């Protein structure tokens, strides 16, 4: 069994919950309220800005220049492609420049991006790749499983098509293969750290759906009585 297969098995419960979460199924069926999707897009634009930076950090960690080039390319192409789609979504969802300038991340979005940076600052390329992989892998699987879906709303069809596309599927496979290569020869202690980074990131992916579906906010914004 490949190391990444072991990671997939370790996170199988979180994986199933992610694939069948009401947020994802609402997109697939086309009945997710647009205000919920709008909330998600704003949070994801914030996330992707940091995700792209972590790719660049991973590129700098690589000793093999071909890996550096690959990760640097992904930092640009993946972020740009997804942000382009999000810009199209923003137009449809009436997300203005002012909305983006005044945007504040929800607790989960802030915590997830903070976790990405923490992993990247560990100094281990394998740990950085591990923390980035669940995002690639989960979205690719959602796209692959639902490529025949035809939700009525075009915005949802475009979202699914993005992750079902050949280039995204290929990019995900490259990241999976890279992690398997990097873990070869790693110490047991390092493998445990890599596994931990992957598991936490996968849990944050599930939490991101829940955050979006419930339109999570900071407790102080709820004005909870003391």
C-alpha atoms as a PDB file:
ATOM      1  CA  UNK A   1       0.000   0.000   0.000  1.00  0.00           C
ATOM      2  CA  UNK A   2       1.332   3.442  -0.913  1.00  0.00           C
ATOM      3  CA  UNK A   3       1.832   5.952   1.881  1.00  0.00           C
ATOM      4  CA  UNK A   4      -0.880   8.179   0.430  1.00  0.00           C
ATOM      5  CA  UNK A   5      -3.265   5.206   0.370  1.00  0.00           C
ATOM      6  CA  UNK A   6      -2.571   4.787   4.069  1.00  0.00           C
ATOM      7  CA  UNK A   7      -3.405   8.462   4.629  1.00  0.00           C
ATOM      8  CA  UNK A   8      -6.639   8.052   2.682  1.00  0.00           C
ATOM      9  CA  UNK A   9      -7.585   5.047   4.815  1.00  0.00           C
ATOM     10  CA  UNK A  10      -6.775   6.864   8.057  1.00  0.00           C
ATOM     11  CA  UNK A  11      -9.102   9.705   7.092  1.00  0.00           C
ATOM     12  CA  UNK A  12     -11.868   7.627   5.491  1.00  0.00           C
ATOM     13  CA  UNK A  13     -14.579   8.773   7.924  1.00  0.00           C
ATOM     14  CA  UNK A  14     -13.748  12.435   7.389  1.00  0.00           C
ATOM     15  CA  UNK A  15     -13.577  11.751   3.658  1.00  0.00           C
ATOM     16  CA  UNK A  16     -17.052  10.236   3.500  1.00  0.00           C
ATOM     17  CA  UNK A  17     -18.493  13.076   5.545  1.00  0.00           C
ATOM     18  CA  UNK A  18     -16.853  15.585   3.218  1.00  0.00           C
ATOM     19  CA  UNK A  19     -18.141  13.946   0.030  1.00  0.00           C
ATOM     20  CA  UNK A  20     -21.680  13.717   1.383  1.00  0.00           C
ATOM     21  CA  UNK A  21     -21.799  16.984   3.305  1.00  0.00           C
ATOM     22  CA  UNK A  22     -25.008  18.984   2.669  1.00  0.00           C
ATOM     23  CA  UNK A  23     -22.930  21.829   1.225  1.00  0.00           C
ATOM     24  CA  UNK A  24     -21.389  19.606  -1.464  1.00  0.00           C
ATOM     25  CA  UNK A  25     -24.617  17.755  -2.159  1.00  0.00           C
ATOM     26  CA  UNK A  26     -26.435  21.065  -2.421  1.00  0.00           C
ATOM     27  CA  UNK A  27     -24.086  22.029  -5.256  1.00  0.00           C
ATOM     28  CA  UNK A  28     -24.449  18.650  -6.951  1.00  0.00           C
ATOM     29  CA  UNK A  29     -28.249  18.771  -6.731  1.00  0.00           C
ATOM     30  CA  UNK A  30     -28.360  22.479  -7.483  1.00  0.00           C
ATOM     31  CA  UNK A  31     -30.457  23.456  -4.476  1.00  0.00           C
ATOM     32  CA  UNK A  32     -27.780  25.088  -2.317  1.00  0.00           C
ATOM     33  CA  UNK A  33     -28.935  28.660  -1.530  1.00  0.00           C
ATOM     34  CA  UNK A  34     -26.860  31.167  -3.467  1.00  0.00           C
ATOM     35  CA  UNK A  35     -26.226  33.259  -0.356  1.00  0.00           C
ATOM     36  CA  UNK A  36     -24.501  30.232   1.200  1.00  0.00           C
ATOM     37  CA  UNK A  37     -22.367  29.723  -1.916  1.00  0.00           C
ATOM     38  CA  UNK A  38     -21.538  33.442  -1.930  1.00  0.00           C
ATOM     39  CA  UNK A  39     -20.316  33.164   1.646  1.00  0.00           C
ATOM     40  CA  UNK A  40     -18.164  30.174   0.651  1.00  0.00           C
ATOM     41  CA  UNK A  41     -16.645  31.956  -2.343  1.00  0.00           C
ATOM     42  CA  UNK A  42     -15.543  34.896  -0.196  1.00  0.00           C
ATOM     43  CA  UNK A  43     -13.925  32.552   2.308  1.00  0.00           C
ATOM     44  CA  UNK A  44     -12.295  30.499  -0.440  1.00  0.00           C
ATOM     45  CA  UNK A  45     -10.823  33.533  -2.192  1.00  0.00           C
ATOM     46  CA  UNK A  46      -9.136  34.370   1.118  1.00  0.00           C
ATOM     47  CA  UNK A  47      -7.958  30.778   1.506  1.00  0.00           C
ATOM     48  CA  UNK A  48      -6.551  30.548  -2.031  1.00  0.00           C
ATOM     49  CA  UNK A  49      -4.421  33.652  -1.604  1.00  0.00           C
ATOM     50  CA  UNK A  50      -2.637  31.957   1.272  1.00  0.00           C
ATOM     51  CA  UNK A  51      -2.677  28.538  -0.390  1.00  0.00           C
ATOM     52  CA  UNK A  52      -0.747  30.000  -3.319  1.00  0.00           C
ATOM     53  CA  UNK A  53       1.846  31.467  -0.951  1.00  0.00           C
ATOM     54  CA  UNK A  54       2.317  28.099   0.748  1.00  0.00           C
ATOM     55  CA  UNK A  55       2.997  26.557  -2.676  1.00  0.00           C
ATOM     56  CA  UNK A  56       5.748  29.132  -3.117  1.00  0.00           C
ATOM     57  CA  UNK A  57       7.144  28.274   0.315  1.00  0.00           C
ATOM     58  CA  UNK A  58       7.164  24.584  -0.644  1.00  0.00           C
ATOM     59  CA  UNK A  59       8.998  25.414  -3.863  1.00  0.00           C
ATOM     60  CA  UNK A  60      11.707  27.137  -1.835  1.00  0.00           C
ATOM     61  CA  UNK A  61      12.046  24.085   0.430  1.00  0.00           C
ATOM     62  CA  UNK A  62      12.766  21.681  -2.429  1.00  0.00           C
ATOM     63  CA  UNK A  63      16.354  20.572  -3.077  1.00  0.00           C
ATOM     64  CA  UNK A  64      15.489  19.093  -6.476  1.00  0.00           C
ATOM     65  CA  UNK A  65      15.104  22.022  -8.874  1.00  0.00           C
ATOM     66  CA  UNK A  66      12.591  20.117 -11.000  1.00  0.00           C
ATOM     67  CA  UNK A  67      10.366  19.903  -7.911  1.00  0.00           C
ATOM     68  CA  UNK A  68      10.948  23.584  -7.234  1.00  0.00           C
ATOM     69  CA  UNK A  69       9.852  24.384 -10.785  1.00  0.00           C
ATOM     70  CA  UNK A  70       6.783  22.161 -10.538  1.00  0.00           C
ATOM     71  CA  UNK A  71       5.611  23.666  -7.259  1.00  0.00           C
ATOM     72  CA  UNK A  72       6.325  27.202  -8.404  1.00  0.00           C
ATOM     73  CA  UNK A  73       4.273  26.500 -11.507  1.00  0.00           C
ATOM     74  CA  UNK A  74       1.438  25.176  -9.397  1.00  0.00           C
ATOM     75  CA  UNK A  75       1.608  28.237  -7.171  1.00  0.00           C
ATOM     76  CA  UNK A  76       0.838  30.305 -10.245  1.00  0.00           C
ATOM     77  CA  UNK A  77      -1.381  28.095 -12.381  1.00  0.00           C
ATOM     78  CA  UNK A  78      -3.539  26.542  -9.675  1.00  0.00           C
ATOM     79  CA  UNK A  79      -4.140  29.788  -7.855  1.00  0.00           C
ATOM     80  CA  UNK A  80      -4.733  31.731 -11.066  1.00  0.00           C
ATOM     81  CA  UNK A  81      -7.115  29.191 -12.546  1.00  0.00           C
ATOM     82  CA  UNK A  82      -9.181  28.941  -9.378  1.00  0.00           C
ATOM     83  CA  UNK A  83      -9.169  32.682  -8.798  1.00  0.00           C
ATOM     84  CA  UNK A  84     -10.330  33.212 -12.382  1.00  0.00           C
ATOM     85  CA  UNK A  85     -13.302  30.946 -11.748  1.00  0.00           C
ATOM     86  CA  UNK A  86     -13.958  32.716  -8.469  1.00  0.00           C
ATOM     87  CA  UNK A  87     -13.866  36.078 -10.234  1.00  0.00           C
ATOM     88  CA  UNK A  88     -16.569  34.785 -12.560  1.00  0.00           C
ATOM     89  CA  UNK A  89     -18.532  33.606  -9.547  1.00  0.00           C
ATOM     90  CA  UNK A  90     -18.007  36.961  -7.863  1.00  0.00           C
ATOM     91  CA  UNK A  91     -19.567  38.706 -10.841  1.00  0.00           C
ATOM     92  CA  UNK A  92     -22.612  36.441 -10.781  1.00  0.00           C
ATOM     93  CA  UNK A  93     -22.917  36.701  -7.002  1.00  0.00           C
ATOM     94  CA  UNK A  94     -22.445  40.477  -6.985  1.00  0.00           C
ATOM     95  CA  UNK A  95     -19.292  40.387  -4.881  1.00  0.00           C
ATOM     96  CA  UNK A  96     -17.820  43.864  -5.135  1.00  0.00           C
ATOM     97  CA  UNK A  97     -14.284  45.159  -4.723  1.00  0.00           C
ATOM     98  CA  UNK A  98     -15.435  46.740  -1.486  1.00  0.00           C
ATOM     99  CA  UNK A  99     -16.668  43.349  -0.251  1.00  0.00           C
ATOM    100  CA  UNK A 100     -13.206  41.925  -0.848  1.00  0.00           C
ATOM    101  CA  UNK A 101     -11.415  44.890   0.740  1.00  0.00           C
ATOM    102  CA  UNK A 102     -13.499  44.777   3.924  1.00  0.00           C
ATOM    103  CA  UNK A 103     -13.668  40.970   4.117  1.00  0.00           C
ATOM    104  CA  UNK A 104     -12.766  39.275   7.384  1.00  0.00           C
ATOM    105  CA  UNK A 105     -12.225  35.490   7.445  1.00  0.00           C
ATOM    106  CA  UNK A 106     -14.396  33.213   9.544  1.00  0.00           C
ATOM    107  CA  UNK A 107     -12.705  31.361  12.430  1.00  0.00           C
ATOM    108  CA  UNK A 108     -12.299  28.113  10.460  1.00  0.00           C
ATOM    109  CA  UNK A 109     -10.862  29.815   7.367  1.00  0.00           C
ATOM    110  CA  UNK A 110      -8.398  31.720   9.539  1.00  0.00           C
ATOM    111  CA  UNK A 111      -7.418  28.605  11.491  1.00  0.00           C
ATOM    112  CA  UNK A 112      -6.976  26.487   8.362  1.00  0.00           C
ATOM    113  CA  UNK A 113      -4.687  28.968   6.656  1.00  0.00           C
ATOM    114  CA  UNK A 114      -2.740  29.358   9.899  1.00  0.00           C
ATOM    115  CA  UNK A 115      -2.259  25.586   9.950  1.00  0.00           C
ATOM    116  CA  UNK A 116      -0.899  25.694   6.396  1.00  0.00           C
ATOM    117  CA  UNK A 117       1.741  28.217   7.401  1.00  0.00           C
ATOM    118  CA  UNK A 118       2.640  26.293  10.537  1.00  0.00           C
ATOM    119  CA  UNK A 119       3.298  23.164   8.487  1.00  0.00           C
ATOM    120  CA  UNK A 120       5.290  25.092   5.880  1.00  0.00           C
ATOM    121  CA  UNK A 121       7.467  26.628   8.580  1.00  0.00           C
ATOM    122  CA  UNK A 122       8.416  23.180   9.869  1.00  0.00           C
ATOM    123  CA  UNK A 123      11.242  23.103   7.350  1.00  0.00           C
ATOM    124  CA  UNK A 124      10.132  19.805   5.832  1.00  0.00           C
ATOM    125  CA  UNK A 125       8.976  19.793   2.226  1.00  0.00           C
ATOM    126  CA  UNK A 126       7.096  16.536   2.797  1.00  0.00           C
ATOM    127  CA  UNK A 127       5.085  18.085   5.623  1.00  0.00           C
ATOM    128  CA  UNK A 128       4.238  21.101   3.478  1.00  0.00           C
ATOM    129  CA  UNK A 129       3.086  18.913   0.595  1.00  0.00           C
ATOM    130  CA  UNK A 130       1.086  16.786   3.038  1.00  0.00           C
ATOM    131  CA  UNK A 131      -0.769  19.804   4.383  1.00  0.00           C
ATOM    132  CA  UNK A 132      -1.597  21.004   0.854  1.00  0.00           C
ATOM    133  CA  UNK A 133      -2.683  17.641  -0.528  1.00  0.00           C
ATOM    134  CA  UNK A 134      -6.160  17.199   1.041  1.00  0.00           C
ATOM    135  CA  UNK A 135      -7.433  20.313  -0.738  1.00  0.00           C
ATOM    136  CA  UNK A 136      -6.300  19.006  -4.123  1.00  0.00           C
ATOM    137  CA  UNK A 137      -7.422  15.452  -3.490  1.00  0.00           C
ATOM    138  CA  UNK A 138     -10.871  16.157  -2.057  1.00  0.00           C
ATOM    139  CA  UNK A 139     -11.870  18.634  -4.770  1.00  0.00           C
ATOM    140  CA  UNK A 140     -10.561  16.317  -7.471  1.00  0.00           C
ATOM    141  CA  UNK A 141     -12.600  13.451  -6.078  1.00  0.00           C
ATOM    142  CA  UNK A 142     -15.732  15.596  -5.863  1.00  0.00           C
ATOM    143  CA  UNK A 143     -15.219  16.602  -9.484  1.00  0.00           C
ATOM    144  CA  UNK A 144     -14.569  13.036 -10.619  1.00  0.00           C
ATOM    145  CA  UNK A 145     -17.539  11.542  -8.764  1.00  0.00           C
ATOM    146  CA  UNK A 146     -19.943  14.221  -9.955  1.00  0.00           C
ATOM    147  CA  UNK A 147     -18.744  14.935 -13.488  1.00  0.00           C
ATOM    148  CA  UNK A 148     -22.078  13.737 -14.869  1.00  0.00           C
ATOM    149  CA  UNK A 149     -24.094  15.960 -12.532  1.00  0.00           C
ATOM    150  CA  UNK A 150     -26.175  18.655 -14.194  1.00  0.00           C
ATOM    151  CA  UNK A 151     -27.350  21.081 -11.505  1.00  0.00           C
ATOM    152  CA  UNK A 152     -29.772  23.639 -12.884  1.00  0.00           C
ATOM    153  CA  UNK A 153     -27.673  26.632 -11.840  1.00  0.00           C
ATOM    154  CA  UNK A 154     -24.807  27.239 -14.261  1.00  0.00           C
ATOM    155  CA  UNK A 155     -22.581  28.510 -11.472  1.00  0.00           C
ATOM    156  CA  UNK A 156     -22.703  25.078  -9.827  1.00  0.00           C
ATOM    157  CA  UNK A 157     -22.053  23.266 -13.104  1.00  0.00           C
ATOM    158  CA  UNK A 158     -18.993  25.451 -13.671  1.00  0.00           C
ATOM    159  CA  UNK A 159     -17.714  24.728 -10.157  1.00  0.00           C
ATOM    160  CA  UNK A 160     -17.993  20.955 -10.641  1.00  0.00           C
ATOM    161  CA  UNK A 161     -16.503  21.088 -14.137  1.00  0.00           C
ATOM    162  CA  UNK A 162     -13.505  22.982 -12.794  1.00  0.00           C
ATOM    163  CA  UNK A 163     -12.535  20.118 -10.503  1.00  0.00           C
ATOM    164  CA  UNK A 164     -13.501  17.372 -12.942  1.00  0.00           C
ATOM    165  CA  UNK A 165     -11.220  18.891 -15.593  1.00  0.00           C
ATOM    166  CA  UNK A 166      -8.242  16.924 -16.890  1.00  0.00           C
ATOM    167  CA  UNK A 167      -5.711  19.537 -15.800  1.00  0.00           C
ATOM    168  CA  UNK A 168      -6.961  19.562 -12.203  1.00  0.00           C
ATOM    169  CA  UNK A 169      -7.096  15.761 -12.034  1.00  0.00           C
ATOM    170  CA  UNK A 170      -3.544  15.578 -13.415  1.00  0.00           C
ATOM    171  CA  UNK A 171      -2.292  18.237 -11.020  1.00  0.00           C
ATOM    172  CA  UNK A 172      -3.757  16.303  -8.102  1.00  0.00           C
ATOM    173  CA  UNK A 173      -2.121  13.054  -9.242  1.00  0.00           C
ATOM    174  CA  UNK A 174       1.223  14.852  -9.424  1.00  0.00           C
ATOM    175  CA  UNK A 175       0.898  16.013  -5.821  1.00  0.00           C
ATOM    176  CA  UNK A 176      -0.039  12.528  -4.630  1.00  0.00           C
ATOM    177  CA  UNK A 177       2.952  11.040  -6.426  1.00  0.00           C
ATOM    178  CA  UNK A 178       5.246  13.745  -5.060  1.00  0.00           C
ATOM    179  CA  UNK A 179       4.301  12.984  -1.466  1.00  0.00           C
ATOM    180  CA  UNK A 180       4.864   9.269  -2.005  1.00  0.00           C
ATOM    181  CA  UNK A 181       8.328  10.056  -3.397  1.00  0.00           C
ATOM    182  CA  UNK A 182       9.203  12.416  -0.562  1.00  0.00           C
ATOM    183  CA  UNK A 183       8.239  10.003   2.186  1.00  0.00           C
ATOM    184  CA  UNK A 184      10.503   7.246   0.840  1.00  0.00           C
ATOM    185  CA  UNK A 185      13.348   6.832   3.281  1.00  0.00           C
ATOM    186  CA  UNK A 186      11.819   9.186   5.855  1.00  0.00           C
ATOM    187  CA  UNK A 187      12.269   8.296   9.512  1.00  0.00           C
ATOM    188  CA  UNK A 188       9.351   6.962  11.514  1.00  0.00           C
ATOM    189  CA  UNK A 189       9.209  10.226  13.453  1.00  0.00           C
ATOM    190  CA  UNK A 190       9.051  12.237  10.234  1.00  0.00           C
ATOM    191  CA  UNK A 191       6.345   9.969   8.803  1.00  0.00           C
ATOM    192  CA  UNK A 192       4.268  10.575  11.929  1.00  0.00           C
ATOM    193  CA  UNK A 193       4.620  14.328  11.507  1.00  0.00           C
ATOM    194  CA  UNK A 194       3.683  14.105   7.833  1.00  0.00           C
ATOM    195  CA  UNK A 195       0.644  12.003   8.730  1.00  0.00           C
ATOM    196  CA  UNK A 196      -0.419  14.464  11.399  1.00  0.00           C
ATOM    197  CA  UNK A 197      -0.235  17.409   8.996  1.00  0.00           C
ATOM    198  CA  UNK A 198      -2.356  15.561   6.447  1.00  0.00           C
ATOM    199  CA  UNK A 199      -4.983  14.498   8.988  1.00  0.00           C
ATOM    200  CA  UNK A 200      -5.374  18.000  10.417  1.00  0.00           C
ATOM    201  CA  UNK A 201      -5.668  19.490   6.942  1.00  0.00           C
ATOM    202  CA  UNK A 202      -8.285  16.913   5.975  1.00  0.00           C
ATOM    203  CA  UNK A 203     -10.302  17.751   9.096  1.00  0.00           C
ATOM    204  CA  UNK A 204     -10.107  21.428   8.169  1.00  0.00           C
ATOM    205  CA  UNK A 205     -11.446  20.620   4.694  1.00  0.00           C
ATOM    206  CA  UNK A 206     -14.521  19.052   6.296  1.00  0.00           C
ATOM    207  CA  UNK A 207     -14.786  21.967   8.709  1.00  0.00           C
ATOM    208  CA  UNK A 208     -14.645  24.368   5.736  1.00  0.00           C
ATOM    209  CA  UNK A 209     -17.841  22.822   4.331  1.00  0.00           C
ATOM    210  CA  UNK A 210     -19.557  23.097   7.710  1.00  0.00           C
ATOM    211  CA  UNK A 211     -18.316  26.668   8.135  1.00  0.00           C
ATOM    212  CA  UNK A 212     -19.758  27.585   4.747  1.00  0.00           C
ATOM    213  CA  UNK A 213     -23.037  25.751   5.217  1.00  0.00           C
ATOM    214  CA  UNK A 214     -23.716  27.396   8.582  1.00  0.00           C
ATOM    215  CA  UNK A 215     -22.174  30.746   7.569  1.00  0.00           C
ATOM    216  CA  UNK A 216     -19.930  30.617  10.599  1.00  0.00           C
ATOM    217  CA  UNK A 217     -19.047  33.853  12.349  1.00  0.00           C
ATOM    218  CA  UNK A 218     -16.964  34.915  15.326  1.00  0.00           C
ATOM    219  CA  UNK A 219     -18.684  34.511  18.686  1.00  0.00           C
ATOM    220  CA  UNK A 220     -18.447  38.218  19.441  1.00  0.00           C
ATOM    221  CA  UNK A 221     -20.515  38.902  16.324  1.00  0.00           C
ATOM    222  CA  UNK A 222     -23.337  36.756  17.710  1.00  0.00           C
ATOM    223  CA  UNK A 223     -23.687  39.010  20.763  1.00  0.00           C
ATOM    224  CA  UNK A 224     -24.006  36.065  23.082  1.00  0.00           C
ATOM    225  CA  UNK A 225     -25.409  37.262  26.429  1.00  0.00           C
ATOM    226  CA  UNK A 226     -22.945  37.077  29.325  1.00  0.00           C
END
